[in-house]
Protein backbone atom coordinates (compact mmCIF):
# COMPACT_ATOMS: atom_id res chain seq x y z
CA MET A 1 -43.71 -67.36 -11.96
CA ASP A 2 -44.42 -65.71 -15.26
CA SER A 3 -44.62 -67.84 -18.39
CA GLY A 4 -41.70 -67.88 -20.78
CA PRO A 5 -38.04 -68.78 -20.43
CA LEU A 6 -37.97 -68.27 -16.67
CA GLU A 7 -40.96 -70.57 -16.15
CA THR A 8 -39.31 -73.27 -18.26
CA PHE A 9 -36.02 -72.92 -16.39
CA SER A 10 -37.81 -72.78 -13.03
CA ARG A 11 -39.76 -75.96 -13.78
CA GLU A 12 -36.60 -77.81 -14.82
CA CYS A 13 -34.83 -76.71 -11.63
CA ARG A 14 -37.75 -77.62 -9.38
CA GLU A 15 -38.01 -81.07 -10.94
CA ARG A 16 -34.29 -81.69 -10.52
CA VAL A 17 -33.98 -80.48 -6.93
CA GLU A 18 -37.22 -82.09 -5.77
CA SER A 19 -36.09 -85.40 -7.22
CA ALA A 20 -32.81 -85.02 -5.31
CA LEU A 21 -34.65 -84.06 -2.12
CA MET A 22 -36.90 -87.12 -2.42
CA ARG A 23 -33.79 -89.31 -2.68
CA TRP A 24 -32.08 -87.81 0.35
CA LEU A 25 -34.97 -87.26 2.76
CA PRO A 26 -35.70 -90.24 5.01
CA ARG A 27 -38.73 -92.37 4.14
CA PRO A 28 -41.83 -91.29 6.11
CA ASN A 29 -42.38 -94.79 7.51
CA ALA A 30 -38.77 -95.19 8.70
CA PRO A 31 -38.40 -94.72 12.47
CA PRO A 32 -38.65 -92.25 14.04
CA GLU A 33 -41.70 -91.84 11.81
CA THR A 34 -43.05 -88.57 13.21
CA LEU A 35 -39.71 -86.80 12.85
CA HIS A 36 -39.21 -88.03 9.30
CA GLN A 37 -42.76 -87.06 8.36
CA ALA A 38 -42.17 -83.57 9.76
CA MET A 39 -38.96 -83.23 7.76
CA ARG A 40 -40.69 -84.19 4.52
CA TYR A 41 -43.69 -81.99 5.33
CA SER A 42 -41.41 -78.98 5.77
CA VAL A 43 -39.42 -79.50 2.57
CA LEU A 44 -41.89 -80.98 0.09
CA ASN A 45 -44.85 -78.64 0.62
CA GLY A 46 -44.16 -76.34 -2.30
CA GLY A 47 -41.98 -73.27 -2.38
CA LYS A 48 -40.38 -71.25 -5.15
CA ARG A 49 -36.98 -73.00 -4.87
CA ILE A 50 -35.19 -69.70 -5.59
CA ARG A 51 -31.95 -70.78 -3.93
CA PRO A 52 -31.62 -74.05 -5.87
CA MET A 53 -32.46 -72.12 -9.04
CA LEU A 54 -29.53 -69.81 -8.30
CA VAL A 55 -27.21 -72.79 -7.87
CA TYR A 56 -28.27 -74.18 -11.26
CA ALA A 57 -28.18 -70.74 -12.91
CA ALA A 58 -24.66 -69.98 -11.66
CA GLY A 59 -23.54 -73.42 -12.76
CA ARG A 60 -25.00 -72.93 -16.24
CA ALA A 61 -23.18 -69.59 -16.55
CA LEU A 62 -19.95 -71.49 -15.83
CA ALA A 63 -20.76 -74.40 -18.18
CA LEU A 64 -21.26 -76.98 -15.43
CA LYS A 65 -23.48 -80.02 -15.95
CA PRO A 66 -26.83 -79.97 -14.07
CA GLU A 67 -26.20 -83.33 -12.41
CA GLN A 68 -23.09 -81.86 -10.77
CA LEU A 69 -25.28 -79.21 -9.18
CA ASP A 70 -28.05 -81.37 -7.71
CA ALA A 71 -26.26 -81.87 -4.38
CA PRO A 72 -25.49 -78.19 -3.63
CA ALA A 73 -28.97 -77.21 -4.86
CA CYS A 74 -30.48 -79.80 -2.52
CA ALA A 75 -28.25 -78.68 0.36
CA VAL A 76 -29.18 -75.00 0.19
CA GLU A 77 -32.88 -75.87 0.06
CA LEU A 78 -32.51 -78.10 3.12
CA ILE A 79 -30.81 -75.26 5.00
CA HIS A 80 -33.50 -72.82 3.86
CA SER A 81 -36.28 -75.22 4.92
CA TYR A 82 -34.71 -75.75 8.33
CA SER A 83 -34.48 -71.99 8.83
CA LEU A 84 -38.18 -71.54 8.00
CA VAL A 85 -39.21 -74.26 10.47
CA HIS A 86 -37.27 -72.56 13.25
CA ASP A 87 -38.24 -69.00 12.24
CA ASP A 88 -41.93 -69.91 12.49
CA LEU A 89 -41.63 -71.18 16.09
CA PRO A 90 -43.38 -69.26 18.88
CA ALA A 91 -40.00 -68.22 20.31
CA MET A 92 -39.09 -66.64 16.95
CA ASP A 93 -41.66 -65.18 14.54
CA ASP A 94 -44.60 -67.20 15.92
CA ASP A 95 -46.28 -67.85 12.56
CA ASP A 96 -49.20 -70.15 11.81
CA LEU A 97 -48.90 -70.32 8.01
CA ARG A 98 -46.06 -71.22 5.67
CA ARG A 99 -46.55 -71.75 1.93
CA GLY A 100 -50.30 -71.70 2.51
CA GLN A 101 -50.15 -74.62 4.96
CA PRO A 102 -49.95 -74.85 8.77
CA THR A 103 -46.38 -74.31 9.93
CA CYS A 104 -44.47 -77.38 11.10
CA HIS A 105 -45.05 -76.75 14.81
CA LYS A 106 -48.77 -76.37 14.12
CA ALA A 107 -49.01 -79.49 11.97
CA PHE A 108 -46.96 -81.51 14.49
CA ASP A 109 -45.72 -79.90 17.73
CA GLU A 110 -42.96 -77.56 18.83
CA ALA A 111 -40.51 -80.23 19.93
CA THR A 112 -40.88 -82.13 16.67
CA ALA A 113 -40.43 -78.90 14.69
CA ILE A 114 -37.17 -78.12 16.51
CA LEU A 115 -35.85 -81.61 15.86
CA ALA A 116 -36.97 -81.53 12.23
CA GLY A 117 -35.09 -78.29 11.69
CA ASP A 118 -31.98 -79.72 13.36
CA ALA A 119 -32.13 -82.85 11.21
CA LEU A 120 -32.64 -80.92 7.96
CA GLN A 121 -29.62 -78.75 8.74
CA THR A 122 -27.30 -81.69 9.29
CA LEU A 123 -28.66 -83.56 6.27
CA ALA A 124 -27.60 -80.63 4.06
CA PHE A 125 -23.94 -81.21 4.88
CA GLN A 126 -24.27 -84.97 4.52
CA VAL A 127 -25.56 -84.46 0.97
CA ILE A 128 -22.50 -82.44 -0.04
CA ALA A 129 -20.13 -84.83 1.70
CA ARG A 130 -21.53 -87.99 0.10
CA ASP A 131 -23.13 -87.20 -3.29
CA GLN A 132 -21.09 -88.90 -6.00
CA ALA A 133 -22.64 -87.15 -9.01
CA MET A 134 -20.70 -83.96 -8.21
CA ALA A 135 -17.54 -85.77 -9.32
CA VAL A 136 -15.26 -83.57 -7.20
CA GLY A 137 -12.60 -84.37 -4.65
CA ALA A 138 -12.47 -83.89 -0.91
CA GLU A 139 -10.96 -80.39 -1.18
CA GLN A 140 -13.87 -79.01 -3.21
CA ARG A 141 -16.39 -80.71 -0.93
CA MET A 142 -14.73 -79.15 2.11
CA ARG A 143 -14.84 -75.72 0.48
CA MET A 144 -18.56 -76.14 -0.21
CA ILE A 145 -19.25 -77.32 3.33
CA GLU A 146 -17.24 -74.43 4.78
CA ASN A 147 -19.04 -71.89 2.58
CA LEU A 148 -22.50 -73.21 3.41
CA ALA A 149 -21.68 -73.48 7.13
CA GLN A 150 -20.48 -69.89 7.29
CA ALA A 151 -23.55 -68.65 5.41
CA SER A 152 -25.80 -70.55 7.82
CA GLY A 153 -24.16 -69.76 11.16
CA SER A 154 -23.58 -66.83 13.47
CA ARG A 155 -21.74 -64.89 10.75
CA GLY A 156 -24.58 -65.52 8.32
CA MET A 157 -28.23 -66.47 8.51
CA ALA A 158 -28.43 -67.39 12.22
CA GLY A 159 -26.59 -64.20 13.14
CA GLY A 160 -28.97 -62.19 10.98
CA GLN A 161 -31.95 -63.78 12.74
CA ALA A 162 -30.43 -62.84 16.10
CA LEU A 163 -30.06 -59.26 14.90
CA ASP A 164 -33.65 -59.33 13.65
CA LEU A 165 -34.98 -60.49 17.02
CA ALA A 166 -32.93 -57.84 18.82
CA ALA A 167 -34.25 -55.13 16.46
CA VAL A 168 -37.91 -55.54 17.46
CA GLY A 169 -39.16 -52.18 18.68
CA GLN A 170 -35.86 -50.49 17.80
CA ASP A 171 -35.21 -47.65 15.36
CA LEU A 172 -32.55 -48.81 12.91
CA ASP A 173 -31.00 -46.63 10.26
CA LEU A 174 -30.66 -47.85 6.68
CA ALA A 175 -27.08 -49.10 7.13
CA GLN A 176 -28.06 -51.14 10.21
CA LEU A 177 -31.08 -52.61 8.44
CA GLU A 178 -28.96 -53.53 5.43
CA HIS A 179 -26.33 -55.14 7.66
CA MET A 180 -29.00 -57.27 9.31
CA HIS A 181 -30.48 -58.48 6.04
CA ILE A 182 -27.11 -59.10 4.35
CA HIS A 183 -26.83 -61.81 6.99
CA LYS A 184 -30.40 -62.98 7.57
CA THR A 185 -31.55 -63.27 3.96
CA GLY A 186 -28.57 -62.42 1.80
CA ALA A 187 -26.01 -64.88 3.16
CA LEU A 188 -27.75 -68.01 1.91
CA ILE A 189 -28.58 -66.42 -1.44
CA ARG A 190 -24.92 -65.49 -1.87
CA ALA A 191 -23.91 -69.01 -0.86
CA SER A 192 -26.28 -70.44 -3.48
CA VAL A 193 -24.42 -68.59 -6.24
CA ARG A 194 -21.04 -69.20 -4.65
CA LEU A 195 -21.54 -72.99 -4.51
CA GLY A 196 -21.74 -73.04 -8.29
CA THR A 197 -18.25 -71.51 -8.49
CA LEU A 198 -16.46 -73.97 -6.20
CA PHE A 199 -16.13 -76.90 -8.59
CA GLY A 200 -12.88 -75.98 -10.27
CA PRO A 201 -9.56 -74.57 -9.08
CA ASN A 202 -8.95 -72.27 -12.03
CA LEU A 203 -12.03 -70.07 -12.26
CA ASP A 204 -11.50 -66.38 -12.99
CA THR A 205 -11.34 -64.62 -9.61
CA ARG A 206 -12.71 -61.42 -11.16
CA LEU A 207 -15.75 -63.31 -12.44
CA ILE A 208 -16.27 -64.91 -9.04
CA ARG A 209 -16.27 -61.44 -7.43
CA GLN A 210 -18.79 -60.19 -9.98
CA LEU A 211 -21.09 -63.14 -9.35
CA ASP A 212 -20.82 -62.54 -5.61
CA ARG A 213 -21.74 -58.86 -6.03
CA TYR A 214 -24.68 -59.92 -8.19
CA ALA A 215 -25.81 -62.26 -5.43
CA LYS A 216 -25.39 -59.60 -2.74
CA CYS A 217 -27.60 -57.21 -4.71
CA ILE A 218 -30.39 -59.69 -5.37
CA GLY A 219 -30.25 -60.92 -1.76
CA LEU A 220 -31.01 -57.43 -0.51
CA ALA A 221 -33.60 -56.88 -3.25
CA PHE A 222 -35.30 -60.12 -2.20
CA GLN A 223 -35.66 -58.89 1.37
CA ILE A 224 -36.89 -55.46 0.29
CA ARG A 225 -39.56 -57.10 -1.86
CA ASP A 226 -40.52 -59.32 1.10
CA ASP A 227 -40.93 -56.21 3.24
CA ILE A 228 -43.07 -54.55 0.56
CA LEU A 229 -45.30 -57.62 0.23
CA ASP A 230 -45.76 -57.78 4.00
CA VAL A 231 -47.42 -54.35 3.66
CA ALA A 232 -49.07 -54.56 0.24
CA GLY A 233 -49.54 -58.30 -0.41
CA GLU A 234 -52.46 -60.58 0.40
CA THR A 235 -52.21 -63.45 2.90
CA GLN A 236 -53.85 -65.94 0.53
CA GLU A 237 -51.41 -65.19 -2.28
CA LEU A 238 -48.38 -64.85 -0.01
CA GLY A 239 -49.01 -68.20 1.67
CA LYS A 240 -48.08 -66.65 5.02
CA THR A 241 -49.60 -64.09 7.36
CA ARG A 242 -49.58 -60.54 6.01
CA GLY A 243 -48.66 -57.66 8.30
CA LYS A 244 -46.52 -59.68 10.72
CA ASP A 245 -43.63 -57.20 10.59
CA ARG A 246 -45.81 -54.25 11.57
CA ALA A 247 -47.62 -56.29 14.24
CA GLN A 248 -44.28 -57.29 15.76
CA ASP A 249 -42.87 -53.75 15.43
CA LYS A 250 -39.98 -54.82 13.24
CA PRO A 251 -37.91 -52.28 11.28
CA THR A 252 -38.41 -52.70 7.52
CA TYR A 253 -37.46 -50.96 4.30
CA PRO A 254 -40.97 -49.51 3.79
CA SER A 255 -41.00 -48.19 7.35
CA LEU A 256 -37.73 -46.36 6.66
CA LEU A 257 -38.16 -45.41 2.99
CA GLY A 258 -41.90 -45.67 2.34
CA LEU A 259 -43.34 -48.11 -0.19
CA SER A 260 -42.23 -46.09 -3.22
CA GLY A 261 -38.74 -45.54 -1.83
CA ALA A 262 -38.37 -49.21 -0.98
CA GLN A 263 -39.37 -50.22 -4.51
CA ASP A 264 -36.88 -47.69 -5.94
CA LYS A 265 -34.15 -49.22 -3.78
CA ALA A 266 -35.01 -52.70 -5.04
CA GLU A 267 -34.92 -51.49 -8.65
CA SER A 268 -31.52 -49.87 -8.09
CA LEU A 269 -30.14 -53.13 -6.69
CA TYR A 270 -31.60 -55.01 -9.66
CA HIS A 271 -29.75 -52.81 -12.16
CA GLU A 272 -26.53 -53.09 -10.15
CA ALA A 273 -26.92 -56.89 -10.19
CA LEU A 274 -27.27 -56.89 -13.98
CA GLN A 275 -24.18 -54.71 -14.38
CA ASN A 276 -22.14 -57.45 -12.71
CA LEU A 277 -23.26 -59.91 -15.39
CA GLU A 278 -22.28 -57.78 -18.38
CA SER A 279 -19.15 -59.80 -19.13
CA LEU A 280 -21.19 -63.01 -19.42
CA ASN A 281 -23.04 -64.15 -22.53
CA GLU A 282 -26.53 -65.63 -22.84
CA THR A 283 -25.57 -68.61 -20.68
CA ALA A 284 -26.06 -66.23 -17.74
CA ASP A 285 -29.61 -65.30 -18.82
CA PRO A 286 -31.22 -67.42 -16.06
CA LEU A 287 -29.40 -65.24 -13.51
CA ARG A 288 -30.88 -62.19 -15.24
CA TRP A 289 -34.38 -63.71 -15.28
CA ILE A 290 -34.20 -64.55 -11.59
CA ALA A 291 -33.14 -61.00 -10.71
CA ALA A 292 -36.10 -59.59 -12.63
CA TYR A 293 -38.46 -62.02 -10.93
CA ILE A 294 -37.19 -61.13 -7.45
CA VAL A 295 -37.97 -57.43 -7.75
CA GLY A 296 -41.37 -57.97 -9.36
CA ARG A 297 -42.77 -61.03 -7.57
CA SER A 298 -46.18 -60.99 -5.89
CA ARG A 299 -45.44 -63.69 -3.29
């Protein structure tokens, strides 16, 4: 990420969430060793940690303490990591590289990768259920678990992946493509922001709606930028194989709109996202920085 305030904020968030992940992930020498090593390999091998950053950024905008946010930040990253392990499998996207390293099923084997993904998914909910630093009651924990479960399941990320697999070789229109990515990519990004709003019972419902619209916009912008980089990026910088979408005949924003049109769409979503933050002061600046990063990133 670029130097400046975003880099400082990003580093602080990465340090916090990676410390939390280290606490919650099983020790690599605890049996079953291979499974636990695969889990740690899949989570602790780098990554931008965008979703945890959004949890912390939303929490800062609402004056929450960072230690309250470690558990939901950790949980969304565990869900994201599980989804990447499964997406990379031969039955899904069949990828060999993730974050510049061999994918989990290449570093270990397919069965271990499936089990590692399963275990990371369930660990995410255990973290929210048990972490004491959140200092919230059972009702708030249940709301967080429900929100994250919905964003991860058939009405969210898993459903979006099913739509993505079914779309191979198909001609989708823009509305159909957007619907697919609102679920596949956008659901967990929206959940990341939403989790930061579930700590108190008296938050302004109008503000919550604005934050959700912000998250919806940047979730779509994130996917558009991913599609652009799959065409225009470099494998070494991306940390994953370039050109996979075209090779697998997947519908993308550049294939529908062209590269320039796709970038224009991402920019439009970026400005719409910022409009939904206008009522917030400088405490919401990290949300603004993240939106700018999403539409301009090179990996």
